[in-house]
Amino acid sequence: MERVYFDKQIFSYLYNGTETVYKKFLSDIYANKGNFLFCYSHGHMLDLKNDKSDIKFKELEFFETIVGDNYLSYHALDKVTSCYLARPIEAFNDLDDFDEYFDILKVLDEVDLSGATTEQKEQFETAKNLLINQKFDFGLSQIKEIPEDMHSALSKIIPENKSEMSLLELTEHFMEMLRSMLNDKSTYKDMRNMVDKNFNNGKFTLDFNNIDFNDDLKNSAQKNLLLNL
């Protein structure tokens, strides 16, 4: 049986069903469920997790009408895709909750050093002390000196009120920043717009219709064609 995998965007179009073409496509999918194995993946669940509304639960129910319990999981290190039997709502509920606070100091305090040598224990305590107590000037306070249109975007992610920070403080700040970006898309969008306006400014664009890898490689240092690599 052929396995079929749809991108999350396709599922969204099918779920909304605002266009005739998607209504017909969905009808064809249901009519051919016995001929194809429709699957979903961990990536779909991560996309839905970013949705803070309750609509995602309706989408999960919709997913199941197409994919059933055909769950694909890709292991990035082993580069192997495994198949599991799990309904979308089950896979979604099994996601790790990133909103849960991660206490770095608690993790360090729970490290088992019972089998470590005296020298190893001393090295661990030295590293821990460096992480917690040693202050560094990362130059982050210089954000106050940049133009206002850049400052408004950068101030959401860079701690400008501290001239010196420990590695622990810096790590905790950026963990909180990541959590904030997951909950507030404007943080990422403002940063993207700021970079595009002040650094890119139309200098770097991609016209996918005019990309010719053969010609580009022929004129590069490799002096070769893509087909000959």
C-alpha atoms as a PDB file:
ATOM      1  CA  MET A   1       0.000   0.000   0.000  1.00  0.00           C
ATOM      2  CA  GLU A   2       1.322   3.451  -0.933  1.00  0.00           C
ATOM      3  CA  ARG A   3       2.099   5.761   1.984  1.00  0.00           C
ATOM      4  CA  VAL A   4       0.966   9.393   1.619  1.00  0.00           C
ATOM      5  CA  TYR A   5       2.265  12.274   3.730  1.00  0.00           C
ATOM      6  CA  PHE A   6       0.755  15.765   3.618  1.00  0.00           C
ATOM      7  CA  ASP A   7       2.402  18.933   4.857  1.00  0.00           C
ATOM      8  CA  LYS A   8       0.590  20.679   7.713  1.00  0.00           C
ATOM      9  CA  GLN A   9      -0.469  23.424   5.328  1.00  0.00           C
ATOM     10  CA  ILE A  10      -2.319  20.909   3.160  1.00  0.00           C
ATOM     11  CA  PHE A  11      -4.184  19.594   6.195  1.00  0.00           C
ATOM     12  CA  SER A  12      -5.131  23.168   7.101  1.00  0.00           C
ATOM     13  CA  TYR A  13      -6.526  23.840   3.632  1.00  0.00           C
ATOM     14  CA  LEU A  14      -8.492  20.604   3.763  1.00  0.00           C
ATOM     15  CA  TYR A  15      -9.771  21.402   7.260  1.00  0.00           C
ATOM     16  CA  ASN A  16     -10.938  24.899   6.338  1.00  0.00           C
ATOM     17  CA  GLY A  17     -12.442  23.668   3.054  1.00  0.00           C
ATOM     18  CA  THR A  18     -13.106  27.173   1.787  1.00  0.00           C
ATOM     19  CA  GLU A  19     -12.315  26.361  -1.848  1.00  0.00           C
ATOM     20  CA  THR A  20     -14.086  23.878  -4.095  1.00  0.00           C
ATOM     21  CA  VAL A  21     -10.820  22.242  -5.140  1.00  0.00           C
ATOM     22  CA  TYR A  22     -10.012  21.288  -1.523  1.00  0.00           C
ATOM     23  CA  LYS A  23     -13.542  20.051  -0.868  1.00  0.00           C
ATOM     24  CA  LYS A  24     -13.253  17.753  -3.883  1.00  0.00           C
ATOM     25  CA  PHE A  25      -9.745  16.694  -2.869  1.00  0.00           C
ATOM     26  CA  LEU A  26     -10.958  15.776   0.614  1.00  0.00           C
ATOM     27  CA  SER A  27     -13.813  13.782  -0.875  1.00  0.00           C
ATOM     28  CA  ASP A  28     -11.321  11.889  -3.050  1.00  0.00           C
ATOM     29  CA  ILE A  29      -9.127  11.199  -0.017  1.00  0.00           C
ATOM     30  CA  TYR A  30     -11.992   9.671   1.939  1.00  0.00           C
ATOM     31  CA  ALA A  31     -13.021   7.622  -1.099  1.00  0.00           C
ATOM     32  CA  ASN A  32      -9.490   6.174  -1.421  1.00  0.00           C
ATOM     33  CA  LYS A  33      -8.591   5.566   2.226  1.00  0.00           C
ATOM     34  CA  GLY A  34      -8.584   1.839   1.510  1.00  0.00           C
ATOM     35  CA  ASN A  35      -5.987   2.244  -1.218  1.00  0.00           C
ATOM     36  CA  PHE A  36      -3.494   4.569   0.512  1.00  0.00           C
ATOM     37  CA  LEU A  37      -1.935   4.847   3.939  1.00  0.00           C
ATOM     38  CA  PHE A  38      -2.248   8.483   5.013  1.00  0.00           C
ATOM     39  CA  CYS A  39       0.236   9.467   7.737  1.00  0.00           C
ATOM     40  CA  TYR A  40       1.106  12.338  10.044  1.00  0.00           C
ATOM     41  CA  SER A  41       4.269  13.136  11.992  1.00  0.00           C
ATOM     42  CA  HIS A  42       5.778  14.783  15.043  1.00  0.00           C
ATOM     43  CA  GLY A  43       6.270  17.931  12.946  1.00  0.00           C
ATOM     44  CA  HIS A  44       2.513  18.301  12.553  1.00  0.00           C
ATOM     45  CA  MET A  45       2.105  18.157  16.323  1.00  0.00           C
ATOM     46  CA  LEU A  46       4.736  20.854  16.873  1.00  0.00           C
ATOM     47  CA  ASP A  47       2.955  23.130  14.384  1.00  0.00           C
ATOM     48  CA  LEU A  48      -0.331  22.654  16.211  1.00  0.00           C
ATOM     49  CA  LYS A  49       1.303  23.283  19.575  1.00  0.00           C
ATOM     50  CA  ASN A  50       2.177  26.803  18.418  1.00  0.00           C
ATOM     51  CA  ASP A  51      -1.544  27.495  18.082  1.00  0.00           C
ATOM     52  CA  LYS A  52      -2.657  28.912  21.441  1.00  0.00           C
ATOM     53  CA  SER A  53      -6.367  28.699  20.591  1.00  0.00           C
ATOM     54  CA  ASP A  54      -8.621  25.679  21.062  1.00  0.00           C
ATOM     55  CA  ILE A  55      -9.062  25.305  17.300  1.00  0.00           C
ATOM     56  CA  LYS A  56      -6.124  22.905  17.268  1.00  0.00           C
ATOM     57  CA  PHE A  57      -8.229  20.279  19.047  1.00  0.00           C
ATOM     58  CA  LYS A  58     -10.806  20.438  16.251  1.00  0.00           C
ATOM     59  CA  GLU A  59      -7.941  20.074  13.766  1.00  0.00           C
ATOM     60  CA  LEU A  60      -6.635  17.042  15.661  1.00  0.00           C
ATOM     61  CA  GLU A  61     -10.057  15.416  15.350  1.00  0.00           C
ATOM     62  CA  PHE A  62     -10.026  16.236  11.637  1.00  0.00           C
ATOM     63  CA  PHE A  63      -6.508  14.797  11.257  1.00  0.00           C
ATOM     64  CA  GLU A  64      -7.737  11.496  12.639  1.00  0.00           C
ATOM     65  CA  THR A  65     -10.503  11.191  10.025  1.00  0.00           C
ATOM     66  CA  ILE A  66      -7.729  11.019   7.416  1.00  0.00           C
ATOM     67  CA  VAL A  67      -4.695   9.455   9.091  1.00  0.00           C
ATOM     68  CA  GLY A  68      -6.307   7.265  11.724  1.00  0.00           C
ATOM     69  CA  ASP A  69      -3.433   6.165  13.985  1.00  0.00           C
ATOM     70  CA  ASN A  70      -0.650   6.111  11.379  1.00  0.00           C
ATOM     71  CA  TYR A  71       2.106   8.075  13.130  1.00  0.00           C
ATOM     72  CA  LEU A  72       5.592   8.596  11.639  1.00  0.00           C
ATOM     73  CA  SER A  73       8.528   9.574  13.832  1.00  0.00           C
ATOM     74  CA  TYR A  74      11.899  10.534  12.354  1.00  0.00           C
ATOM     75  CA  HIS A  75      15.022  10.059  14.463  1.00  0.00           C
ATOM     76  CA  ALA A  76      17.415  12.809  13.368  1.00  0.00           C
ATOM     77  CA  LEU A  77      20.566  11.169  14.766  1.00  0.00           C
ATOM     78  CA  ASP A  78      19.941   7.656  13.472  1.00  0.00           C
ATOM     79  CA  LYS A  79      18.310   9.035  10.297  1.00  0.00           C
ATOM     80  CA  VAL A  80      15.587   6.418  10.580  1.00  0.00           C
ATOM     81  CA  THR A  81      11.834   6.833  10.270  1.00  0.00           C
ATOM     82  CA  SER A  82       9.741   4.592  12.515  1.00  0.00           C
ATOM     83  CA  CYS A  83       6.015   3.855  12.346  1.00  0.00           C
ATOM     84  CA  TYR A  84       3.786   3.902  15.422  1.00  0.00           C
ATOM     85  CA  LEU A  85       0.108   3.388  16.109  1.00  0.00           C
ATOM     86  CA  ALA A  86      -1.075   6.539  17.863  1.00  0.00           C
ATOM     87  CA  ARG A  87      -4.050   8.791  17.301  1.00  0.00           C
ATOM     88  CA  PRO A  88      -3.181  12.483  16.737  1.00  0.00           C
ATOM     89  CA  ILE A  89      -4.669  13.567  20.071  1.00  0.00           C
ATOM     90  CA  GLU A  90      -2.544  10.945  21.852  1.00  0.00           C
ATOM     91  CA  ALA A  91       0.629  12.111  20.114  1.00  0.00           C
ATOM     92  CA  PHE A  92      -0.226  15.739  20.868  1.00  0.00           C
ATOM     93  CA  ASN A  93      -0.828  15.087  24.563  1.00  0.00           C
ATOM     94  CA  ASP A  94       2.524  13.298  24.718  1.00  0.00           C
ATOM     95  CA  LEU A  95       4.459  16.404  23.624  1.00  0.00           C
ATOM     96  CA  ASP A  96       6.895  17.860  26.111  1.00  0.00           C
ATOM     97  CA  ASP A  97       5.550  21.042  27.653  1.00  0.00           C
ATOM     98  CA  PHE A  98       8.156  23.717  26.988  1.00  0.00           C
ATOM     99  CA  ASP A  99       6.231  26.159  29.171  1.00  0.00           C
ATOM    100  CA  GLU A 100       7.370  24.194  32.200  1.00  0.00           C
ATOM    101  CA  TYR A 101      10.202  26.064  33.892  1.00  0.00           C
ATOM    102  CA  PHE A 102      13.605  24.440  33.489  1.00  0.00           C
ATOM    103  CA  ASP A 103      15.686  24.980  36.621  1.00  0.00           C
ATOM    104  CA  ILE A 104      19.374  24.751  35.646  1.00  0.00           C
ATOM    105  CA  LEU A 105      20.624  24.955  39.236  1.00  0.00           C
ATOM    106  CA  LYS A 106      18.341  22.101  40.271  1.00  0.00           C
ATOM    107  CA  VAL A 107      19.758  19.960  37.473  1.00  0.00           C
ATOM    108  CA  LEU A 108      23.321  20.760  38.568  1.00  0.00           C
ATOM    109  CA  ASP A 109      22.513  19.985  42.201  1.00  0.00           C
ATOM    110  CA  GLU A 110      21.121  16.594  41.204  1.00  0.00           C
ATOM    111  CA  VAL A 111      24.229  15.510  39.278  1.00  0.00           C
ATOM    112  CA  ASP A 112      25.471  12.233  40.784  1.00  0.00           C
ATOM    113  CA  LEU A 113      29.147  12.639  41.688  1.00  0.00           C
ATOM    114  CA  SER A 114      29.336   9.547  43.881  1.00  0.00           C
ATOM    115  CA  GLY A 115      31.596   7.781  41.395  1.00  0.00           C
ATOM    116  CA  ALA A 116      33.754  10.819  40.633  1.00  0.00           C
ATOM    117  CA  THR A 117      37.297  11.319  41.851  1.00  0.00           C
ATOM    118  CA  THR A 118      38.249  14.188  44.138  1.00  0.00           C
ATOM    119  CA  GLU A 119      39.807  16.003  41.190  1.00  0.00           C
ATOM    120  CA  GLN A 120      36.658  15.545  39.080  1.00  0.00           C
ATOM    121  CA  LYS A 121      34.469  16.847  41.892  1.00  0.00           C
ATOM    122  CA  GLU A 122      36.694  19.921  42.251  1.00  0.00           C
ATOM    123  CA  GLN A 123      36.538  20.534  38.479  1.00  0.00           C
ATOM    124  CA  PHE A 124      32.744  20.265  38.564  1.00  0.00           C
ATOM    125  CA  GLU A 125      32.463  22.758  41.428  1.00  0.00           C
ATOM    126  CA  THR A 126      34.844  25.139  39.650  1.00  0.00           C
ATOM    127  CA  ALA A 127      32.747  24.985  36.481  1.00  0.00           C
ATOM    128  CA  LYS A 128      29.543  25.447  38.487  1.00  0.00           C
ATOM    129  CA  ASN A 129      30.995  28.453  40.275  1.00  0.00           C
ATOM    130  CA  LEU A 130      32.082  29.942  36.929  1.00  0.00           C
ATOM    131  CA  LEU A 131      28.580  29.446  35.544  1.00  0.00           C
ATOM    132  CA  ILE A 132      26.860  31.071  38.516  1.00  0.00           C
ATOM    133  CA  ASN A 133      29.164  33.699  39.921  1.00  0.00           C
ATOM    134  CA  GLN A 134      31.616  34.842  37.254  1.00  0.00           C
ATOM    135  CA  LYS A 135      30.339  37.997  35.546  1.00  0.00           C
ATOM    136  CA  PHE A 136      31.110  38.826  31.924  1.00  0.00           C
ATOM    137  CA  ASP A 137      30.585  41.937  29.840  1.00  0.00           C
ATOM    138  CA  PHE A 138      28.942  40.696  26.660  1.00  0.00           C
ATOM    139  CA  GLY A 139      28.499  44.219  25.343  1.00  0.00           C
ATOM    140  CA  LEU A 140      24.718  43.845  25.452  1.00  0.00           C
ATOM    141  CA  SER A 141      24.225  47.238  27.086  1.00  0.00           C
ATOM    142  CA  GLN A 142      25.361  48.868  23.824  1.00  0.00           C
ATOM    143  CA  ILE A 143      21.887  48.195  22.452  1.00  0.00           C
ATOM    144  CA  LYS A 144      20.899  51.567  23.943  1.00  0.00           C
ATOM    145  CA  GLU A 145      23.139  53.280  21.409  1.00  0.00           C
ATOM    146  CA  ILE A 146      21.548  51.854  18.262  1.00  0.00           C
ATOM    147  CA  PRO A 147      18.824  53.620  16.200  1.00  0.00           C
ATOM    148  CA  GLU A 148      15.310  53.547  17.623  1.00  0.00           C
ATOM    149  CA  ASP A 149      13.802  51.477  14.787  1.00  0.00           C
ATOM    150  CA  MET A 150      16.348  48.732  15.533  1.00  0.00           C
ATOM    151  CA  HIS A 151      16.160  49.147  19.286  1.00  0.00           C
ATOM    152  CA  SER A 152      12.448  48.336  19.563  1.00  0.00           C
ATOM    153  CA  ALA A 153      12.977  44.900  17.994  1.00  0.00           C
ATOM    154  CA  LEU A 154      16.271  44.011  19.684  1.00  0.00           C
ATOM    155  CA  SER A 155      15.141  45.111  23.147  1.00  0.00           C
ATOM    156  CA  LYS A 156      12.689  42.189  23.187  1.00  0.00           C
ATOM    157  CA  ILE A 157      15.478  39.632  23.016  1.00  0.00           C
ATOM    158  CA  ILE A 158      18.603  41.327  24.403  1.00  0.00           C
ATOM    159  CA  PRO A 159      18.920  42.205  28.103  1.00  0.00           C
ATOM    160  CA  GLU A 160      19.933  45.856  27.849  1.00  0.00           C
ATOM    161  CA  ASN A 161      19.682  46.740  31.537  1.00  0.00           C
ATOM    162  CA  LYS A 162      22.701  44.739  32.635  1.00  0.00           C
ATOM    163  CA  SER A 163      26.232  45.583  31.574  1.00  0.00           C
ATOM    164  CA  GLU A 164      27.531  42.321  33.072  1.00  0.00           C
ATOM    165  CA  MET A 165      25.898  38.941  33.425  1.00  0.00           C
ATOM    166  CA  SER A 166      26.886  35.452  34.495  1.00  0.00           C
ATOM    167  CA  LEU A 167      26.615  32.594  32.015  1.00  0.00           C
ATOM    168  CA  LEU A 168      23.716  31.271  34.077  1.00  0.00           C
ATOM    169  CA  GLU A 169      21.836  34.574  33.852  1.00  0.00           C
ATOM    170  CA  LEU A 170      22.466  34.803  30.118  1.00  0.00           C
ATOM    171  CA  THR A 171      21.304  31.216  29.563  1.00  0.00           C
ATOM    172  CA  GLU A 172      18.150  31.734  31.611  1.00  0.00           C
ATOM    173  CA  HIS A 173      17.406  34.945  29.714  1.00  0.00           C
ATOM    174  CA  PHE A 174      17.603  33.305  26.314  1.00  0.00           C
ATOM    175  CA  MET A 175      15.522  30.345  27.486  1.00  0.00           C
ATOM    176  CA  GLU A 176      12.851  32.822  28.551  1.00  0.00           C
ATOM    177  CA  MET A 177      13.266  34.643  25.234  1.00  0.00           C
ATOM    178  CA  LEU A 178      12.622  31.406  23.330  1.00  0.00           C
ATOM    179  CA  ARG A 179       9.541  30.739  25.438  1.00  0.00           C
ATOM    180  CA  SER A 180       8.355  34.270  24.698  1.00  0.00           C
ATOM    181  CA  MET A 181       8.899  33.827  20.951  1.00  0.00           C
ATOM    182  CA  LEU A 182       6.767  30.690  20.987  1.00  0.00           C
ATOM    183  CA  ASN A 183       3.922  32.582  22.653  1.00  0.00           C
ATOM    184  CA  ASP A 184       4.305  35.964  20.964  1.00  0.00           C
ATOM    185  CA  LYS A 185       4.970  35.785  17.230  1.00  0.00           C
ATOM    186  CA  SER A 186       5.535  39.568  17.074  1.00  0.00           C
ATOM    187  CA  THR A 187       8.951  39.077  18.718  1.00  0.00           C
ATOM    188  CA  TYR A 188      10.212  37.044  15.775  1.00  0.00           C
ATOM    189  CA  LYS A 189       8.358  39.094  13.159  1.00  0.00           C
ATOM    190  CA  ASP A 190       9.734  42.408  14.464  1.00  0.00           C
ATOM    191  CA  MET A 191      13.261  40.999  14.428  1.00  0.00           C
ATOM    192  CA  ARG A 192      12.817  39.644  10.891  1.00  0.00           C
ATOM    193  CA  ASN A 193      11.471  42.975   9.636  1.00  0.00           C
ATOM    194  CA  MET A 194      14.284  44.882  11.350  1.00  0.00           C
ATOM    195  CA  VAL A 195      16.968  42.670   9.768  1.00  0.00           C
ATOM    196  CA  ASP A 196      15.325  42.890   6.357  1.00  0.00           C
ATOM    197  CA  LYS A 197      15.108  46.685   6.537  1.00  0.00           C
ATOM    198  CA  ASN A 198      18.477  47.543   8.060  1.00  0.00           C
ATOM    199  CA  PHE A 199      20.776  44.776   6.863  1.00  0.00           C
ATOM    200  CA  ASN A 200      19.257  43.128   3.832  1.00  0.00           C
ATOM    201  CA  ASN A 201      17.433  46.154   2.384  1.00  0.00           C
ATOM    202  CA  GLY A 202      16.854  44.410  -0.932  1.00  0.00           C
ATOM    203  CA  LYS A 203      20.511  43.391  -1.350  1.00  0.00           C
ATOM    204  CA  PHE A 204      19.808  39.676  -1.134  1.00  0.00           C
ATOM    205  CA  THR A 205      16.835  38.240  -2.978  1.00  0.00           C
ATOM    206  CA  LEU A 206      16.049  34.858  -4.450  1.00  0.00           C
ATOM    207  CA  ASP A 207      14.238  34.354  -7.714  1.00  0.00           C
ATOM    208  CA  PHE A 208      13.735  30.600  -7.731  1.00  0.00           C
ATOM    209  CA  ASN A 209      12.549  30.649 -11.312  1.00  0.00           C
ATOM    210  CA  ASN A 210      15.927  31.947 -12.505  1.00  0.00           C
ATOM    211  CA  ILE A 211      18.280  29.805 -10.413  1.00  0.00           C
ATOM    212  CA  ASP A 212      20.612  27.666 -12.528  1.00  0.00           C
ATOM    213  CA  PHE A 213      22.859  25.545 -10.312  1.00  0.00           C
ATOM    214  CA  ASN A 214      24.759  24.174 -13.296  1.00  0.00           C
ATOM    215  CA  ASP A 215      25.719  27.635 -14.501  1.00  0.00           C
ATOM    216  CA  ASP A 216      26.502  28.877 -10.978  1.00  0.00           C
ATOM    217  CA  LEU A 217      28.806  25.946 -10.248  1.00  0.00           C
ATOM    218  CA  LYS A 218      30.492  26.230 -13.633  1.00  0.00           C
ATOM    219  CA  ASN A 219      31.512  29.785 -12.764  1.00  0.00           C
ATOM    220  CA  SER A 220      32.531  28.936  -9.206  1.00  0.00           C
ATOM    221  CA  ALA A 221      35.925  27.858  -7.844  1.00  0.00           C
ATOM    222  CA  GLN A 222      34.950  24.212  -8.433  1.00  0.00           C
ATOM    223  CA  LYS A 223      34.588  24.771 -12.193  1.00  0.00           C
ATOM    224  CA  ASN A 224      32.201  21.865 -12.414  1.00  0.00           C
ATOM    225  CA  LEU A 225      28.624  21.121 -13.363  1.00  0.00           C
ATOM    226  CA  LEU A 226      26.004  19.907 -10.949  1.00  0.00           C
ATOM    227  CA  LEU A 227      25.332  16.847 -13.094  1.00  0.00           C
ATOM    228  CA  ASN A 228      28.994  15.845 -12.944  1.00  0.00           C
ATOM    229  CA  LEU A 229      29.383  16.051  -9.181  1.00  0.00           C
END
